[in-house]
């Protein structure tokens, strides 16, 4: 591990790039393809193999991947999704893009992931999709949630933006839900600058996702719906007709899609990063273990709960401040640590309390008390593979000093 200055700002997370990552991108820059080239399917296949899914469809961002998954699930106006209030805005917004409405189910008090029993309580005749969030990298109760979905005829889109490399009951996250969405933002486990991917075992979903990300356009021979137009035979007498099959330039717009394509540059970087995923996760787990050892001794802090039947990918390490025992407010703790160069953060402001959601759906304080209690005491501390042991000890010393 490298040594660090005591005054260097430590963000809560950042990418860890090396010479091989840079070389991978430079190779693409020197190639014939910057986008829509061979690195895209190579990356998709590599991620699918890593997570145990049959298919992987890469997108321009995790948000784009969530949107595509919602459309592929058939979500439309007046339908509803159920998701966690403790998540980034994209987990709910993806449904709004489709014209659907968002309902929330409160979280478990121990894991901060969505509570399956609360999902059952939230289901209505309009519910079509459940979007559980693997918060901080710890998988949700996926078997229970999948059972609820099957009994109610719902689609599960697992938001695993925090959980690439995590396992649930000895199975890889990415192989368990109808569709699983990953993110390759720089703070995530594999950095591609931006980028996302939908993993699925369903061939029909795979085809629909690919169509949606590329304007709804296809040039595949077997997907053509206007054979005469495809063969360039419209208005041509039969004796002069071209042979069956589409002309070389021909394509069809089959549905309304978006430009959610990812580039070869991003995929080359993602492939290079993926080769180090196991070492990244191992480092994250070692840092998390050291934090838990240190902070579990404090009467002013609660450490994250990790269940024995799942292995977190440790995207975030969130402490809970026991504010009733402290003289300082969370805001003072936050500000003092930031002033010391410790890039603490808070993940997340409950989505139902955002102004847009309050105004549109009438949500208010008190609607999801477990989520709100979590938020009121939560403090994310730095956790990323490039942290040195010195960095880790500096975070521990600073936090313990400030909260006392």
Protein backbone atom coordinates (compact mmCIF):
# COMPACT_ATOMS: atom_id res chain seq x y z
CA UNK A 1 0.00 0.00 0.00
CA UNK A 2 1.15 3.53 -0.75
CA UNK A 3 1.77 6.09 1.97
CA UNK A 4 -0.51 9.09 2.26
CA UNK A 5 -0.22 12.62 3.56
CA UNK A 6 -2.26 13.38 6.67
CA UNK A 7 -3.77 16.46 5.02
CA UNK A 8 -4.80 14.89 1.71
CA UNK A 9 -8.58 14.87 1.16
CA UNK A 10 -9.94 11.33 1.24
CA UNK A 11 -13.20 11.07 -0.72
CA UNK A 12 -15.79 8.51 0.33
CA UNK A 13 -14.94 6.62 -2.87
CA UNK A 14 -13.04 6.95 -6.13
CA UNK A 15 -11.68 4.85 -8.99
CA UNK A 16 -8.43 2.86 -8.81
CA UNK A 17 -6.72 2.95 -12.20
CA UNK A 18 -3.32 1.57 -13.20
CA UNK A 19 -1.16 1.44 -16.31
CA UNK A 20 -3.03 -1.56 -17.73
CA UNK A 21 -6.32 0.37 -17.61
CA UNK A 22 -4.78 3.30 -19.46
CA UNK A 23 -3.19 0.99 -22.03
CA UNK A 24 -6.53 -0.72 -22.67
CA UNK A 25 -8.16 2.59 -23.53
CA UNK A 26 -5.22 3.71 -25.66
CA UNK A 27 -5.47 0.47 -27.63
CA UNK A 28 -9.05 1.34 -28.52
CA UNK A 29 -8.06 4.89 -29.47
CA UNK A 30 -5.54 3.38 -31.87
CA UNK A 31 -8.09 0.96 -33.32
CA UNK A 32 -10.77 1.33 -35.99
CA UNK A 33 -13.63 1.44 -33.47
CA UNK A 34 -14.42 4.00 -30.79
CA UNK A 35 -18.02 2.85 -30.37
CA UNK A 36 -20.27 -0.02 -31.52
CA UNK A 37 -17.16 -2.15 -32.02
CA UNK A 38 -15.87 -5.46 -30.68
CA UNK A 39 -15.14 -4.35 -27.11
CA UNK A 40 -18.84 -3.92 -26.34
CA UNK A 41 -19.91 -7.56 -26.82
CA UNK A 42 -16.64 -8.69 -25.25
CA UNK A 43 -17.43 -6.69 -22.12
CA UNK A 44 -21.04 -7.87 -22.07
CA UNK A 45 -19.98 -11.50 -22.27
CA UNK A 46 -17.32 -11.05 -19.59
CA UNK A 47 -19.74 -9.48 -17.11
CA UNK A 48 -22.44 -12.08 -17.85
CA UNK A 49 -19.95 -14.87 -17.25
CA UNK A 50 -18.72 -13.25 -14.03
CA UNK A 51 -22.20 -12.89 -12.55
CA UNK A 52 -23.64 -16.16 -13.90
CA UNK A 53 -26.27 -14.78 -16.26
CA UNK A 54 -27.05 -15.91 -19.80
CA UNK A 55 -27.01 -12.39 -21.22
CA UNK A 56 -25.61 -8.96 -20.49
CA UNK A 57 -26.66 -5.77 -22.27
CA UNK A 58 -24.38 -2.78 -21.69
CA UNK A 59 -25.78 0.75 -21.59
CA UNK A 60 -24.47 4.29 -21.33
CA UNK A 61 -25.19 4.47 -17.57
CA UNK A 62 -26.77 2.59 -14.72
CA UNK A 63 -29.76 4.92 -14.93
CA UNK A 64 -30.17 4.11 -18.63
CA UNK A 65 -30.00 0.42 -17.74
CA UNK A 66 -32.76 0.83 -15.13
CA UNK A 67 -34.93 2.72 -17.61
CA UNK A 68 -34.40 0.06 -20.27
CA UNK A 69 -35.24 -2.70 -17.79
CA UNK A 70 -38.49 -0.98 -16.81
CA UNK A 71 -39.60 -0.62 -20.44
CA UNK A 72 -38.60 -4.21 -21.16
CA UNK A 73 -40.69 -5.35 -18.17
CA UNK A 74 -43.69 -3.73 -19.84
CA UNK A 75 -44.00 -0.85 -17.39
CA UNK A 76 -46.26 1.92 -18.66
CA UNK A 77 -48.66 4.70 -17.66
CA UNK A 78 -50.60 4.11 -14.43
CA UNK A 79 -48.55 1.01 -13.56
CA UNK A 80 -46.66 1.01 -10.27
CA UNK A 81 -43.30 -0.10 -8.99
CA UNK A 82 -42.27 -0.79 -5.42
CA UNK A 83 -38.78 0.18 -4.34
CA UNK A 84 -36.81 1.26 -1.27
CA UNK A 85 -36.83 4.85 -0.03
CA UNK A 86 -33.13 4.48 0.82
CA UNK A 87 -31.62 4.65 -2.62
CA UNK A 88 -30.34 7.03 -5.27
CA UNK A 89 -33.01 8.87 -7.26
CA UNK A 90 -32.56 6.65 -10.35
CA UNK A 91 -34.18 3.65 -8.66
CA UNK A 92 -37.50 5.48 -8.62
CA UNK A 93 -37.04 7.85 -11.55
CA UNK A 94 -36.66 4.95 -13.98
CA UNK A 95 -40.34 4.16 -13.44
CA UNK A 96 -41.37 7.78 -13.89
CA UNK A 97 -39.63 7.83 -17.28
CA UNK A 98 -42.04 5.08 -18.32
CA UNK A 99 -45.07 7.02 -17.09
CA UNK A 100 -45.52 4.74 -14.08
CA UNK A 101 -45.90 5.65 -10.41
CA UNK A 102 -43.58 4.93 -7.50
CA UNK A 103 -44.58 3.28 -4.24
CA UNK A 104 -42.09 2.67 -1.46
CA UNK A 105 -41.73 -0.12 1.07
CA UNK A 106 -39.83 0.57 4.28
CA UNK A 107 -36.45 -0.99 5.01
CA UNK A 108 -35.24 -3.61 7.48
CA UNK A 109 -33.82 -2.09 10.63
CA UNK A 110 -30.69 -4.24 10.53
CA UNK A 111 -29.55 -4.40 6.89
CA UNK A 112 -31.16 -1.17 5.61
CA UNK A 113 -32.41 -3.15 2.59
CA UNK A 114 -36.07 -3.24 1.61
CA UNK A 115 -38.28 -5.31 3.93
CA UNK A 116 -40.11 -8.14 2.09
CA UNK A 117 -43.10 -7.96 4.43
CA UNK A 118 -43.46 -4.27 3.66
CA UNK A 119 -43.39 -5.10 -0.07
CA UNK A 120 -46.40 -7.37 0.43
CA UNK A 121 -48.22 -4.54 2.22
CA UNK A 122 -47.46 -2.13 -0.65
CA UNK A 123 -48.71 -4.28 -3.54
CA UNK A 124 -51.82 -2.99 -5.33
CA UNK A 125 -53.65 -4.16 -8.49
CA UNK A 126 -51.48 -1.70 -10.44
CA UNK A 127 -48.16 -3.04 -9.20
CA UNK A 128 -46.07 -4.48 -12.02
CA UNK A 129 -42.42 -4.34 -10.94
CA UNK A 130 -40.40 -4.65 -7.73
CA UNK A 131 -37.02 -2.87 -7.70
CA UNK A 132 -35.10 -4.05 -4.62
CA UNK A 133 -31.84 -2.22 -3.94
CA UNK A 134 -28.73 -4.05 -2.72
CA UNK A 135 -27.86 -1.15 -0.46
CA UNK A 136 -24.14 -0.64 0.33
CA UNK A 137 -23.37 -3.88 -1.53
CA UNK A 138 -25.25 -6.32 0.72
CA UNK A 139 -27.85 -8.30 -1.26
CA UNK A 140 -31.51 -7.96 -0.37
CA UNK A 141 -33.70 -10.90 0.65
CA UNK A 142 -33.81 -12.05 -2.95
CA UNK A 143 -35.45 -15.46 -2.49
CA UNK A 144 -38.27 -13.99 -0.44
CA UNK A 145 -38.74 -11.09 -2.87
CA UNK A 146 -38.73 -13.42 -5.88
CA UNK A 147 -41.36 -15.59 -4.19
CA UNK A 148 -43.57 -12.56 -3.59
CA UNK A 149 -43.15 -11.55 -7.24
CA UNK A 150 -44.03 -15.01 -8.58
CA UNK A 151 -47.16 -15.23 -6.46
CA UNK A 152 -48.30 -11.80 -7.64
CA UNK A 153 -47.18 -12.03 -11.27
CA UNK A 154 -44.58 -9.25 -10.90
CA UNK A 155 -41.18 -8.67 -12.48
CA UNK A 156 -38.11 -8.21 -10.26
CA UNK A 157 -35.51 -5.69 -11.45
CA UNK A 158 -32.69 -5.88 -8.93
CA UNK A 159 -30.79 -2.62 -8.53
CA UNK A 160 -27.34 -4.06 -7.90
CA UNK A 161 -25.40 -0.88 -8.66
CA UNK A 162 -23.67 -1.37 -5.28
CA UNK A 163 -23.28 -5.13 -5.50
CA UNK A 164 -21.12 -6.34 -8.39
CA UNK A 165 -19.25 -9.34 -6.99
CA UNK A 166 -21.60 -9.91 -4.06
CA UNK A 167 -23.13 -13.32 -3.35
CA UNK A 168 -26.44 -14.40 -1.86
CA UNK A 169 -26.76 -17.91 -0.44
CA UNK A 170 -23.71 -18.98 -2.47
CA UNK A 171 -25.13 -17.58 -5.73
CA UNK A 172 -23.83 -14.57 -7.60
CA UNK A 173 -25.80 -11.36 -7.68
CA UNK A 174 -26.74 -11.01 -11.33
CA UNK A 175 -28.13 -14.52 -11.72
CA UNK A 176 -31.10 -14.30 -9.38
CA UNK A 177 -33.61 -11.65 -10.52
CA UNK A 178 -35.54 -11.35 -13.78
CA UNK A 179 -33.18 -8.48 -14.61
CA UNK A 180 -30.24 -7.17 -12.59
CA UNK A 181 -28.75 -3.74 -13.14
CA UNK A 182 -25.10 -2.86 -12.52
CA UNK A 183 -23.30 0.48 -12.63
CA UNK A 184 -19.75 1.29 -13.76
CA UNK A 185 -19.57 4.83 -12.37
CA UNK A 186 -16.08 5.71 -11.05
CA UNK A 187 -17.05 5.11 -7.41
CA UNK A 188 -18.27 1.58 -8.16
CA UNK A 189 -16.38 -1.72 -8.14
CA UNK A 190 -15.56 -1.62 -11.86
CA UNK A 191 -15.03 1.88 -13.25
CA UNK A 192 -15.75 2.64 -16.89
CA UNK A 193 -16.19 6.40 -16.52
CA UNK A 194 -19.92 5.94 -16.89
CA UNK A 195 -21.87 2.88 -17.92
CA UNK A 196 -24.35 0.29 -16.84
CA UNK A 197 -25.48 -3.21 -17.73
CA UNK A 198 -28.62 -5.32 -17.47
CA UNK A 199 -27.96 -8.99 -16.73
CA UNK A 200 -30.75 -11.46 -17.49
CA UNK A 201 -31.39 -15.12 -18.20
CA UNK A 202 -34.35 -14.34 -20.45
CA UNK A 203 -33.66 -14.29 -24.19
CA UNK A 204 -36.73 -12.19 -24.95
CA UNK A 205 -35.66 -9.57 -22.42
CA UNK A 206 -32.16 -9.57 -23.94
CA UNK A 207 -33.52 -8.86 -27.42
CA UNK A 208 -35.85 -6.12 -26.19
CA UNK A 209 -33.09 -4.43 -24.20
CA UNK A 210 -30.78 -4.36 -27.22
CA UNK A 211 -33.48 -2.84 -29.38
CA UNK A 212 -34.36 -0.20 -26.78
CA UNK A 213 -30.78 1.00 -26.34
CA UNK A 214 -30.33 1.62 -30.09
CA UNK A 215 -33.28 3.83 -31.08
CA UNK A 216 -35.56 0.79 -31.47
CA UNK A 217 -33.69 0.06 -34.70
CA UNK A 218 -32.60 -3.37 -35.97
CA UNK A 219 -30.84 -4.55 -39.11
CA UNK A 220 -31.08 -8.24 -38.22
CA UNK A 221 -32.47 -10.28 -41.12
CA UNK A 222 -34.81 -12.30 -38.93
CA UNK A 223 -36.42 -9.23 -37.37
CA UNK A 224 -37.53 -7.51 -40.57
CA UNK A 225 -41.29 -6.94 -40.84
CA UNK A 226 -41.59 -5.43 -44.36
CA UNK A 227 -40.03 -7.97 -46.73
CA UNK A 228 -40.74 -6.12 -49.98
CA UNK A 229 -39.33 -2.88 -48.64
CA UNK A 230 -36.38 -4.73 -47.10
CA UNK A 231 -35.51 -6.33 -50.45
CA UNK A 232 -35.91 -2.96 -52.23
CA UNK A 233 -38.75 -4.43 -54.29
CA UNK A 234 -41.54 -1.93 -53.64
CA UNK A 235 -42.83 -0.66 -57.00
CA UNK A 236 -40.59 -2.99 -59.03
CA UNK A 237 -42.24 -5.37 -61.55
CA UNK A 238 -42.01 -9.06 -60.61
CA UNK A 239 -39.76 -9.86 -63.58
CA UNK A 240 -37.17 -7.35 -62.35
CA UNK A 241 -37.50 -8.10 -58.62
CA UNK A 242 -34.45 -8.43 -56.42
CA UNK A 243 -33.87 -11.75 -54.68
CA UNK A 244 -35.52 -12.22 -51.25
CA UNK A 245 -33.69 -10.88 -48.23
CA UNK A 246 -32.91 -7.39 -47.10
CA UNK A 247 -30.64 -4.99 -48.95
CA UNK A 248 -27.27 -4.35 -47.37
CA UNK A 249 -28.18 -0.85 -46.21
CA UNK A 250 -31.62 -1.68 -44.91
CA UNK A 251 -32.79 -1.41 -41.30
CA UNK A 252 -36.13 -1.00 -39.56
CA UNK A 253 -37.25 1.04 -36.58
CA UNK A 254 -39.45 -1.50 -34.81
CA UNK A 255 -40.21 0.39 -31.61
CA UNK A 256 -39.44 3.67 -29.90
CA UNK A 257 -36.01 3.45 -28.33
CA UNK A 258 -33.25 5.67 -27.02
CA UNK A 259 -29.57 6.14 -27.76
CA UNK A 260 -28.27 4.38 -24.66
CA UNK A 261 -25.23 2.80 -26.33
CA UNK A 262 -21.94 2.44 -24.51
CA UNK A 263 -18.57 3.05 -26.20
CA UNK A 264 -15.66 0.72 -26.87
CA UNK A 265 -13.45 3.02 -24.81
CA UNK A 266 -15.66 2.52 -21.76
CA UNK A 267 -15.87 -1.23 -22.33
CA UNK A 268 -12.11 -1.56 -22.74
CA UNK A 269 -11.62 0.18 -19.41
CA UNK A 270 -14.34 -1.97 -17.86
CA UNK A 271 -12.71 -5.17 -19.11
CA UNK A 272 -9.36 -4.13 -17.68
CA UNK A 273 -10.95 -3.24 -14.35
CA UNK A 274 -12.96 -6.48 -14.29
CA UNK A 275 -9.71 -8.45 -14.28
CA UNK A 276 -9.02 -6.94 -10.83
CA UNK A 277 -12.54 -7.20 -9.42
CA UNK A 278 -11.69 -9.99 -6.97
CA UNK A 279 -8.73 -8.08 -5.57
CA UNK A 280 -10.83 -4.90 -5.34
CA UNK A 281 -13.53 -6.68 -3.36
CA UNK A 282 -11.02 -8.42 -1.12
CA UNK A 283 -9.46 -5.05 -0.28
CA UNK A 284 -12.88 -3.52 0.40
CA UNK A 285 -13.72 -6.39 2.74
CA UNK A 286 -10.44 -6.04 4.63
CA UNK A 287 -11.04 -2.33 5.13
CA UNK A 288 -14.61 -2.98 6.25
CA UNK A 289 -13.40 -5.60 8.73
CA UNK A 290 -10.86 -3.18 10.19
CA UNK A 291 -13.53 -0.50 10.52
CA UNK A 292 -15.88 -2.90 12.26
CA UNK A 293 -13.16 -3.98 14.68
CA UNK A 294 -12.37 -0.38 15.55
CA UNK A 295 -15.82 1.19 15.68
CA UNK A 296 -17.67 -1.62 17.40
CA UNK A 297 -15.76 -0.67 20.56
CA UNK A 298 -17.35 2.78 20.62
CA UNK A 299 -20.50 3.47 22.66
CA UNK A 300 -21.33 6.31 20.27
CA UNK A 301 -21.36 4.34 17.00
CA UNK A 302 -23.22 1.40 15.52
CA UNK A 303 -21.52 -0.63 12.77
CA UNK A 304 -23.30 -2.19 9.77
CA UNK A 305 -25.03 -5.54 10.19
CA UNK A 306 -23.90 -8.25 7.77
CA UNK A 307 -26.01 -11.40 7.47
CA UNK A 308 -24.22 -14.75 7.37
CA UNK A 309 -26.00 -16.09 4.26
CA UNK A 310 -24.70 -13.32 1.97
CA UNK A 311 -21.38 -11.68 1.18
CA UNK A 312 -21.42 -7.94 0.62
CA UNK A 313 -19.40 -6.29 -2.11
CA UNK A 314 -18.93 -3.37 0.33
CA UNK A 315 -19.59 -0.42 -1.92
CA UNK A 316 -20.25 1.75 1.13
CA UNK A 317 -19.47 1.61 4.84
CA UNK A 318 -22.19 3.43 6.76
CA UNK A 319 -21.89 4.17 10.46
CA UNK A 320 -24.93 4.97 12.57
CA UNK A 321 -24.35 7.77 15.07
CA UNK A 322 -25.91 7.25 18.48
CA UNK A 323 -26.88 10.89 18.63
CA UNK A 324 -28.83 10.66 21.88
CA UNK A 325 -25.56 9.84 23.63
CA UNK A 326 -23.63 12.59 21.85
CA UNK A 327 -23.39 16.34 22.40
CA UNK A 328 -22.75 17.02 18.72
CA UNK A 329 -25.25 16.88 15.90
CA UNK A 330 -24.67 14.79 12.79
CA UNK A 331 -24.10 18.03 10.85
CA UNK A 332 -21.30 19.08 13.24
CA UNK A 333 -19.65 15.66 13.01
CA UNK A 334 -19.87 15.82 9.21
CA UNK A 335 -18.46 19.35 8.98
CA UNK A 336 -15.60 18.68 11.39
CA UNK A 337 -14.54 15.52 9.57
CA UNK A 338 -14.69 17.28 6.20
CA UNK A 339 -12.51 20.05 7.65
CA UNK A 340 -9.99 17.33 8.60
CA UNK A 341 -9.92 16.04 5.03
CA UNK A 342 -12.11 13.00 5.68
CA UNK A 343 -14.64 12.89 2.85
CA UNK A 344 -17.63 11.60 4.77
CA UNK A 345 -21.01 11.62 3.06
CA UNK A 346 -24.62 10.59 3.71
CA UNK A 347 -26.29 7.90 1.57
CA UNK A 348 -29.11 8.64 0.95
CA UNK A 349 -31.66 11.32 1.64
CA UNK A 350 -34.82 9.17 1.58
CA UNK A 351 -36.27 9.46 -1.90
CA UNK A 352 -39.81 10.01 -0.65
CA UNK A 353 -38.62 13.18 1.11
CA UNK A 354 -37.23 14.79 -2.04
CA UNK A 355 -39.30 17.83 -3.10
CA UNK A 356 -40.37 16.27 -6.39
CA UNK A 357 -41.69 13.11 -4.73
CA UNK A 358 -43.38 15.05 -1.93
CA UNK A 359 -45.17 17.28 -4.44
CA UNK A 360 -46.10 14.60 -6.97
CA UNK A 361 -47.14 11.79 -4.63
CA UNK A 362 -47.84 13.55 -1.34
CA UNK A 363 -45.15 11.73 0.63
CA UNK A 364 -44.15 13.23 3.97
CA UNK A 365 -42.09 12.70 7.09
CA UNK A 366 -43.42 9.75 9.04
CA UNK A 367 -44.45 7.65 6.04
CA UNK A 368 -41.46 5.29 6.29
CA UNK A 369 -40.16 5.59 9.84
CA UNK A 370 -37.39 2.96 9.67
CA UNK A 371 -35.88 4.56 6.59
CA UNK A 372 -36.11 8.01 8.16
CA UNK A 373 -34.52 6.85 11.42
CA UNK A 374 -31.69 5.28 9.42
CA UNK A 375 -31.14 8.50 7.47
CA UNK A 376 -31.17 10.71 10.55
CA UNK A 377 -28.13 8.96 12.03
CA UNK A 378 -26.26 7.70 8.94
CA UNK A 379 -22.71 8.71 8.07
CA UNK A 380 -20.76 7.18 5.18
CA UNK A 381 -16.99 7.03 5.69
CA UNK A 382 -14.32 6.55 3.00
CA UNK A 383 -14.01 3.05 1.54
CA UNK A 384 -12.25 2.26 -1.75
CA UNK A 385 -9.49 -0.15 -2.80
CA UNK A 386 -6.82 2.51 -3.36
CA UNK A 387 -6.91 3.47 0.33
CA UNK A 388 -3.70 2.62 2.13
CA UNK A 389 -3.58 1.13 5.60
CA UNK A 390 -2.42 4.57 6.73
CA UNK A 391 -5.54 6.09 5.17
CA UNK A 392 -7.74 3.59 6.99
CA UNK A 393 -6.17 4.30 10.35
CA UNK A 394 -6.44 8.03 9.71
CA UNK A 395 -10.19 7.65 9.12
CA UNK A 396 -10.59 5.60 12.29
CA UNK A 397 -8.60 8.05 14.42
CA UNK A 398 -10.43 11.07 13.00
CA UNK A 399 -13.92 9.64 13.44
CA UNK A 400 -13.28 8.51 17.01
CA UNK A 401 -11.76 11.89 17.84
CA UNK A 402 -14.67 13.89 16.42
CA UNK A 403 -17.56 11.87 17.85
CA UNK A 404 -16.26 11.68 21.40
